PDB file of N, CA and C in Angstrom:
ATOM      1  N   UNK A   1     143.128  43.203 -30.521  1.00  0.00           N
ATOM      2  CA  UNK A   1     141.812  43.503 -29.537  1.00  0.00           C
ATOM      3  C   UNK A   1     141.093  44.547 -29.531  1.00  0.00           C
ATOM      4  N   UNK A   2     140.098  44.496 -29.132  1.00  0.00           N
ATOM      5  CA  UNK A   2     139.313  45.824 -29.267  1.00  0.00           C
ATOM      6  C   UNK A   2     139.550  46.775 -28.169  1.00  0.00           C
ATOM      7  N   UNK A   3     139.763  48.130 -28.469  1.00  0.00           N
ATOM      8  CA  UNK A   3     139.869  48.471 -27.283  1.00  0.00           C
ATOM      9  C   UNK A   3     138.366  49.517 -27.015  1.00  0.00           C
ATOM     10  N   UNK A   4     137.881  49.168 -25.574  1.00  0.00           N
ATOM     11  CA  UNK A   4     136.495  49.751 -25.033  1.00  0.00           C
ATOM     12  C   UNK A   4     136.663  51.225 -24.874  1.00  0.00           C
ATOM     13  N   UNK A   5     137.533  51.371 -24.743  1.00  0.00           N
ATOM     14  CA  UNK A   5     137.675  53.060 -23.984  1.00  0.00           C
ATOM     15  C   UNK A   5     137.094  54.035 -24.519  1.00  0.00           C
ATOM     16  N   UNK A   6     136.555  55.101 -23.980  1.00  0.00           N
ATOM     17  CA  UNK A   6     136.598  56.460 -24.633  1.00  0.00           C
ATOM     18  C   UNK A   6     137.743  57.595 -24.700  1.00  0.00           C
ATOM     19  N   UNK A   7     138.189  58.271 -25.870  1.00  0.00           N
ATOM     20  CA  UNK A   7     139.323  59.281 -25.526  1.00  0.00           C
ATOM     21  C   UNK A   7     138.021  60.643 -25.389  1.00  0.00           C
ATOM     22  N   UNK A   8     138.604  61.124 -24.209  1.00  0.00           N
ATOM     23  CA  UNK A   8     137.465  62.532 -24.143  1.00  0.00           C
ATOM     24  C   UNK A   8     137.919  63.647 -24.029  1.00  0.00           C
ATOM     25  N   UNK A   9     138.226  64.082 -24.528  1.00  0.00           N
ATOM     26  CA  UNK A   9     138.833  65.923 -25.341  1.00  0.00           C
ATOM     27  C   UNK A   9     139.042  66.546 -23.607  1.00  0.00           C
ATOM     28  N   UNK A  10     139.641  67.794 -23.836  1.00  0.00           N
ATOM     29  CA  UNK A  10     140.486  68.477 -22.229  1.00  0.00           C
ATOM     30  C   UNK A  10     138.805  69.018 -22.103  1.00  0.00           C
ATOM     31  N   UNK A  11     138.247  69.729 -22.958  1.00  0.00           N
ATOM     32  CA  UNK A  11     136.986  70.278 -22.119  1.00  0.00           C
ATOM     33  C   UNK A  11     135.974  69.261 -21.489  1.00  0.00           C
ATOM     34  N   UNK A  12     135.881  68.309 -21.826  1.00  0.00           N
ATOM     35  CA  UNK A  12     134.930  67.458 -21.666  1.00  0.00           C
ATOM     36  C   UNK A  12     135.526  66.661 -19.761  1.00  0.00           C
ATOM     37  N   UNK A  13     136.855  66.628 -19.562  1.00  0.00           N
ATOM     38  CA  UNK A  13     137.527  66.586 -18.483  1.00  0.00           C
ATOM     39  C   UNK A  13     137.713  67.331 -17.547  1.00  0.00           C
ATOM     40  N   UNK A  14     137.827  68.651 -18.026  1.00  0.00           N
ATOM     41  CA  UNK A  14     138.006  70.100 -17.502  1.00  0.00           C
ATOM     42  C   UNK A  14     135.945  69.935 -16.738  1.00  0.00           C
ATOM     43  N   UNK A  15     135.409  69.754 -17.668  1.00  0.00           N
ATOM     44  CA  UNK A  15     133.804  69.873 -17.015  1.00  0.00           C
ATOM     45  C   UNK A  15     133.534  68.719 -16.232  1.00  0.00           C
ATOM     46  N   UNK A  16     134.180  66.877 -16.063  1.00  0.00           N
ATOM     47  CA  UNK A  16     134.011  66.656 -15.625  1.00  0.00           C
ATOM     48  C   UNK A  16     134.938  66.496 -14.135  1.00  0.00           C
ATOM     49  N   UNK A  17     136.182  67.263 -14.016  1.00  0.00           N
ATOM     50  CA  UNK A  17     136.130  67.730 -12.362  1.00  0.00           C
ATOM     51  C   UNK A  17     136.299  68.732 -11.849  1.00  0.00           C
ATOM     52  N   UNK A  18     135.590  69.464 -12.674  1.00  0.00           N
ATOM     53  CA  UNK A  18     135.360  70.704 -12.098  1.00  0.00           C
ATOM     54  C   UNK A  18     133.129  70.318 -11.149  1.00  0.00           C
ATOM     55  N   UNK A  19     132.755  68.933 -12.147  1.00  0.00           N
ATOM     56  CA  UNK A  19     131.538  68.247 -11.436  1.00  0.00           C
ATOM     57  C   UNK A  19     131.649  67.575 -10.074  1.00  0.00           C
ATOM     58  N   UNK A  20     133.353  67.160  -9.820  1.00  0.00           N
ATOM     59  CA  UNK A  20     133.522  66.406  -9.457  1.00  0.00           C
ATOM     60  C   UNK A  20     134.111  67.418  -8.028  1.00  0.00           C
ATOM     61  N   UNK A  21     134.374  68.322  -8.384  1.00  0.00           N
ATOM     62  CA  UNK A  21     134.943  69.317  -7.296  1.00  0.00           C
ATOM     63  C   UNK A  21     133.396  70.098  -6.764  1.00  0.00           C
ATOM     64  N   UNK A  22     133.084  69.505  -7.507  1.00  0.00           N
ATOM     65  CA  UNK A  22     131.007  70.568  -6.453  1.00  0.00           C
ATOM     66  C   UNK A  22     130.696  69.410  -5.353  1.00  0.00           C
ATOM     67  N   UNK A  23     131.176  68.555  -6.259  1.00  0.00           N
ATOM     68  CA  UNK A  23     130.341  67.324  -5.658  1.00  0.00           C
ATOM     69  C   UNK A  23     130.714  67.286  -4.133  1.00  0.00           C
ATOM     70  N   UNK A  24     132.026  66.856  -4.138  1.00  0.00           N
ATOM     71  CA  UNK A  24     132.989  66.541  -3.086  1.00  0.00           C
ATOM     72  C   UNK A  24     134.174  67.282  -2.470  1.00  0.00           C
ATOM     73  N   UNK A  25     134.184  67.995  -3.132  1.00  0.00           N
ATOM     74  CA  UNK A  25     134.988  69.315  -2.280  1.00  0.00           C
ATOM     75  C   UNK A  25     136.581  69.028  -3.176  1.00  0.00           C
ATOM     76  N   UNK A  26     137.638  70.331  -3.227  1.00  0.00           N
ATOM     77  CA  UNK A  26     139.193  70.204  -3.942  1.00  0.00           C
ATOM     78  C   UNK A  26     139.669  69.022  -3.363  1.00  0.00           C
ATOM     79  N   UNK A  27     139.500  69.432  -2.113  1.00  0.00           N
ATOM     80  CA  UNK A  27     140.900  68.301  -1.110  1.00  0.00           C
ATOM     81  C   UNK A  27     140.583  66.632  -1.089  1.00  0.00           C
ATOM     82  N   UNK A  28     138.882  66.825  -1.171  1.00  0.00           N
ATOM     83  CA  UNK A  28     139.122  65.076  -1.815  1.00  0.00           C
ATOM     84  C   UNK A  28     139.220  64.627  -2.714  1.00  0.00           C
ATOM     85  N   UNK A  29     138.696  65.375  -3.743  1.00  0.00           N
ATOM     86  CA  UNK A  29     138.880  65.157  -5.305  1.00  0.00           C
ATOM     87  C   UNK A  29     140.636  65.074  -5.635  1.00  0.00           C
ATOM     88  N   UNK A  30     141.252  66.030  -4.904  1.00  0.00           N
ATOM     89  CA  UNK A  30     142.397  65.994  -5.216  1.00  0.00           C
ATOM     90  C   UNK A  30     143.714  65.092  -3.974  1.00  0.00           C
ATOM     91  N   UNK A  31     142.857  64.359  -2.588  1.00  0.00           N
ATOM     92  CA  UNK A  31     144.077  63.225  -1.814  1.00  0.00           C
ATOM     93  C   UNK A  31     143.016  61.745  -3.027  1.00  0.00           C
ATOM     94  N   UNK A  32     141.824  61.829  -3.841  1.00  0.00           N
ATOM     95  CA  UNK A  32     142.084  60.699  -4.582  1.00  0.00           C
ATOM     96  C   UNK A  32     142.499  60.027  -5.370  1.00  0.00           C
ATOM     97  N   UNK A  33     143.046  61.739  -6.332  1.00  0.00           N
ATOM     98  CA  UNK A  33     143.161  61.643  -7.283  1.00  0.00           C
ATOM     99  C   UNK A  33     145.098  61.471  -7.058  1.00  0.00           C
ATOM    100  N   UNK A  34     145.599  61.964  -6.355  1.00  0.00           N
ATOM    101  CA  UNK A  34     147.114  61.688  -5.297  1.00  0.00           C
ATOM    102  C   UNK A  34     147.220  59.722  -5.212  1.00  0.00           C
ATOM    103  N   UNK A  35     146.053  59.449  -4.174  1.00  0.00           N
ATOM    104  CA  UNK A  35     146.133  58.002  -4.133  1.00  0.00           C
ATOM    105  C   UNK A  35     146.288  57.200  -4.954  1.00  0.00           C
ATOM    106  N   UNK A  36     145.179  57.302  -6.375  1.00  0.00           N
ATOM    107  CA  UNK A  36     145.172  56.484  -7.376  1.00  0.00           C
ATOM    108  C   UNK A  36     146.676  56.455  -8.479  1.00  0.00           C
ATOM    109  N   UNK A  37     147.235  57.912  -8.989  1.00  0.00           N
ATOM    110  CA  UNK A  37     148.788  57.869  -9.206  1.00  0.00           C
ATOM    111  C   UNK A  37     149.402  57.225  -8.674  1.00  0.00           C
ATOM    112  N   UNK A  38     149.428  56.959  -7.203  1.00  0.00           N
ATOM    113  CA  UNK A  38     150.718  56.824  -6.492  1.00  0.00           C
ATOM    114  C   UNK A  38     150.500  54.839  -5.915  1.00  0.00           C
ATOM    115  N   UNK A  39     148.746  54.218  -6.287  1.00  0.00           N
ATOM    116  CA  UNK A  39     148.813  52.595  -6.018  1.00  0.00           C
ATOM    117  C   UNK A  39     149.756  52.411  -6.962  1.00  0.00           C
ATOM    118  N   UNK A  40     149.501  51.298  -6.410  1.00  0.00           N
ATOM    119  CA  UNK A  40     150.915  50.037  -6.768  1.00  0.00           C
ATOM    120  C   UNK A  40     149.959  49.200  -7.686  1.00  0.00           C
ATOM    121  N   UNK A  41     150.288  49.094  -9.139  1.00  0.00           N
ATOM    122  CA  UNK A  41     149.293  48.440  -9.368  1.00  0.00           C
ATOM    123  C   UNK A  41     149.822  46.446  -9.345  1.00  0.00           C
ATOM    124  N   UNK A  42     148.920  45.734  -9.038  1.00  0.00           N
ATOM    125  CA  UNK A  42     148.803  44.262  -8.452  1.00  0.00           C
ATOM    126  C   UNK A  42     149.574  43.623  -9.834  1.00  0.00           C
ATOM    127  N   UNK A  43     150.842  42.707  -9.914  1.00  0.00           N
ATOM    128  CA  UNK A  43     151.161  41.927 -11.132  1.00  0.00           C
ATOM    129  C   UNK A  43     150.945  40.264 -10.897  1.00  0.00           C
ATOM    130  N   UNK A  44     150.449  39.604 -11.695  1.00  0.00           N
ATOM    131  CA  UNK A  44     150.574  38.834 -11.621  1.00  0.00           C
ATOM    132  C   UNK A  44     152.451  38.323 -11.564  1.00  0.00           C
ATOM    133  N   UNK A  45     152.088  36.670 -10.358  1.00  0.00           N
ATOM    134  CA  UNK A  45     153.801  35.993 -10.154  1.00  0.00           C
ATOM    135  C   UNK A  45     154.599  35.992 -11.190  1.00  0.00           C
ATOM    136  N   UNK A  46     155.250  36.066 -11.497  1.00  0.00           N
ATOM    137  CA  UNK A  46     156.521  35.726 -12.728  1.00  0.00           C
ATOM    138  C   UNK A  46     156.171  36.370 -14.086  1.00  0.00           C
ATOM    139  N   UNK A  47     155.397  37.867 -13.790  1.00  0.00           N
ATOM    140  CA  UNK A  47     154.527  38.254 -14.887  1.00  0.00           C
ATOM    141  C   UNK A  47     154.005  37.579 -15.601  1.00  0.00           C
ATOM    142  N   UNK A  48     153.331  36.585 -15.625  1.00  0.00           N
ATOM    143  CA  UNK A  48     152.543  36.092 -16.205  1.00  0.00           C
ATOM    144  C   UNK A  48     151.170  35.929 -16.349  1.00  0.00           C
ATOM    145  N   UNK A  49     150.915  35.675 -16.462  1.00  0.00           N
ATOM    146  CA  UNK A  49     148.982  35.585 -16.599  1.00  0.00           C
ATOM    147  C   UNK A  49     148.222  34.235 -16.823  1.00  0.00           C
ATOM    148  N   UNK A  50     148.174  34.082 -16.549  1.00  0.00           N
ATOM    149  CA  UNK A  50     147.351  32.545 -16.084  1.00  0.00           C
ATOM    150  C   UNK A  50     146.016  32.727 -16.295  1.00  0.00           C
ATOM    151  N   UNK A  51     145.748  31.831 -17.597  1.00  0.00           N
ATOM    152  CA  UNK A  51     144.472  31.097 -18.177  1.00  0.00           C
ATOM    153  C   UNK A  51     144.099  30.326 -17.309  1.00  0.00           C
ATOM    154  N   UNK A  52     142.174  30.317 -17.545  1.00  0.00           N
ATOM    155  CA  UNK A  52     141.498  29.658 -16.411  1.00  0.00           C
ATOM    156  C   UNK A  52     141.096  28.247 -18.001  1.00  0.00           C
ATOM    157  N   UNK A  53     141.199  27.195 -17.836  1.00  0.00           N
ATOM    158  CA  UNK A  53     140.820  26.158 -18.563  1.00  0.00           C
ATOM    159  C   UNK A  53     139.814  26.400 -19.841  1.00  0.00           C
ATOM    160  N   UNK A  54     138.749  27.161 -19.630  1.00  0.00           N
ATOM    161  CA  UNK A  54     137.964  27.623 -20.720  1.00  0.00           C
ATOM    162  C   UNK A  54     138.503  28.856 -21.409  1.00  0.00           C
ATOM    163  N   UNK A  55     139.335  29.443 -20.808  1.00  0.00           N
ATOM    164  CA  UNK A  55     139.958  30.243 -21.705  1.00  0.00           C
ATOM    165  C   UNK A  55     141.115  29.685 -22.891  1.00  0.00           C
ATOM    166  N   UNK A  56     141.726  29.315 -22.159  1.00  0.00           N
ATOM    167  CA  UNK A  56     142.303  28.232 -23.025  1.00  0.00           C
ATOM    168  C   UNK A  56     142.163  27.392 -24.126  1.00  0.00           C
ATOM    169  N   UNK A  57     140.603  26.573 -23.583  1.00  0.00           N
ATOM    170  CA  UNK A  57     140.277  25.825 -24.718  1.00  0.00           C
ATOM    171  C   UNK A  57     140.112  26.811 -25.994  1.00  0.00           C
ATOM    172  N   UNK A  58     139.369  27.899 -25.681  1.00  0.00           N
ATOM    173  CA  UNK A  58     138.579  29.244 -26.673  1.00  0.00           C
ATOM    174  C   UNK A  58     140.178  29.311 -27.938  1.00  0.00           C
ATOM    175  N   UNK A  59     141.208  29.420 -26.811  1.00  0.00           N
ATOM    176  CA  UNK A  59     142.272  29.777 -28.052  1.00  0.00           C
ATOM    177  C   UNK A  59     143.138  28.871 -28.252  1.00  0.00           C
ATOM    178  N   UNK A  60     142.702  27.150 -28.181  1.00  0.00           N
ATOM    179  CA  UNK A  60     143.206  26.220 -28.875  1.00  0.00           C
ATOM    180  C   UNK A  60     144.293  25.406 -28.143  1.00  0.00           C
ATOM    181  N   UNK A  61     144.229  26.268 -26.670  1.00  0.00           N
ATOM    182  CA  UNK A  61     145.400  25.711 -26.037  1.00  0.00           C
ATOM    183  C   UNK A  61     144.694  24.013 -25.276  1.00  0.00           C
ATOM    184  N   UNK A  62     146.266  23.500 -24.581  1.00  0.00           N
ATOM    185  CA  UNK A  62     145.753  22.616 -24.536  1.00  0.00           C
ATOM    186  C   UNK A  62     145.112  23.007 -22.675  1.00  0.00           C
ATOM    187  N   UNK A  63     144.399  21.961 -21.906  1.00  0.00           N
ATOM    188  CA  UNK A  63     144.144  22.792 -20.457  1.00  0.00           C
ATOM    189  C   UNK A  63     144.991  22.221 -19.577  1.00  0.00           C
ATOM    190  N   UNK A  64     144.926  23.118 -18.289  1.00  0.00           N
ATOM    191  CA  UNK A  64     146.410  23.218 -17.770  1.00  0.00           C
ATOM    192  C   UNK A  64     145.784  22.286 -16.839  1.00  0.00           C
ATOM    193  N   UNK A  65     147.111  21.713 -16.253  1.00  0.00           N
ATOM    194  CA  UNK A  65     146.606  20.414 -15.600  1.00  0.00           C
ATOM    195  C   UNK A  65     147.957  21.038 -14.312  1.00  0.00           C
ATOM    196  N   UNK A  66     147.781  21.380 -13.070  1.00  0.00           N
ATOM    197  CA  UNK A  66     149.070  21.722 -12.175  1.00  0.00           C
ATOM    198  C   UNK A  66     149.368  20.297 -11.507  1.00  0.00           C
ATOM    199  N   UNK A  67     150.807  20.460 -11.701  1.00  0.00           N
ATOM    200  CA  UNK A  67     151.713  19.326 -11.306  1.00  0.00           C
ATOM    201  C   UNK A  67     151.279  18.514  -9.874  1.00  0.00           C
ATOM    202  N   UNK A  68     151.501  17.115  -9.667  1.00  0.00           N
ATOM    203  CA  UNK A  68     151.236  16.535  -8.226  1.00  0.00           C
ATOM    204  C   UNK A  68     151.606  16.720  -7.535  1.00  0.00           C
ATOM    205  N   UNK A  69     150.836  16.813  -6.084  1.00  0.00           N
ATOM    206  CA  UNK A  69     151.536  16.765  -5.219  1.00  0.00           C
ATOM    207  C   UNK A  69     152.497  15.422  -4.619  1.00  0.00           C
ATOM    208  N   UNK A  70     153.007  16.197  -3.420  1.00  0.00           N
ATOM    209  CA  UNK A  70     153.780  15.058  -3.146  1.00  0.00           C
ATOM    210  C   UNK A  70     152.712  13.755  -2.584  1.00  0.00           C
ATOM    211  N   UNK A  71     151.198  14.249  -1.870  1.00  0.00           N
ATOM    212  CA  UNK A  71     150.690  13.178  -1.392  1.00  0.00           C
ATOM    213  C   UNK A  71     150.467  12.616  -2.553  1.00  0.00           C
ATOM    214  N   UNK A  72     149.926  13.149  -3.637  1.00  0.00           N
ATOM    215  CA  UNK A  72     149.143  12.627  -4.655  1.00  0.00           C
ATOM    216  C   UNK A  72     149.891  11.515  -5.343  1.00  0.00           C
ATOM    217  N   UNK A  73     151.629  11.023  -5.060  1.00  0.00           N
ATOM    218  CA  UNK A  73     151.855  10.413  -5.794  1.00  0.00           C
ATOM    219  C   UNK A  73     152.351   8.762  -5.191  1.00  0.00           C
ATOM    220  N   UNK A  74     152.323   7.564  -5.199  1.00  0.00           N
ATOM    221  CA  UNK A  74     152.380   6.647  -4.832  1.00  0.00           C
ATOM    222  C   UNK A  74     153.186   5.517  -5.222  1.00  0.00           C
ATOM    223  N   UNK A  75     153.883   4.999  -4.708  1.00  0.00           N
ATOM    224  CA  UNK A  75     155.258   4.270  -5.444  1.00  0.00           C
ATOM    225  C   UNK A  75     154.024   2.643  -4.866  1.00  0.00           C
TER     226      UNK A  75
END
């Protein structure tokens, strides 16, 4: 997998932080940073990532068909 993120140096991070504090104020920046640090990250059910059928086809997997419901079953 290709990593597309950039790594910033400490000087660049300090400059960005100083710019944010100048624009929004120290308390708003601190509050936003605390909210981001404490935010719970959503996880898919059972820890599994469900791929849609287009992605499954691209990597050579069979398409996913959900199991039939009781109303679809006819005896």
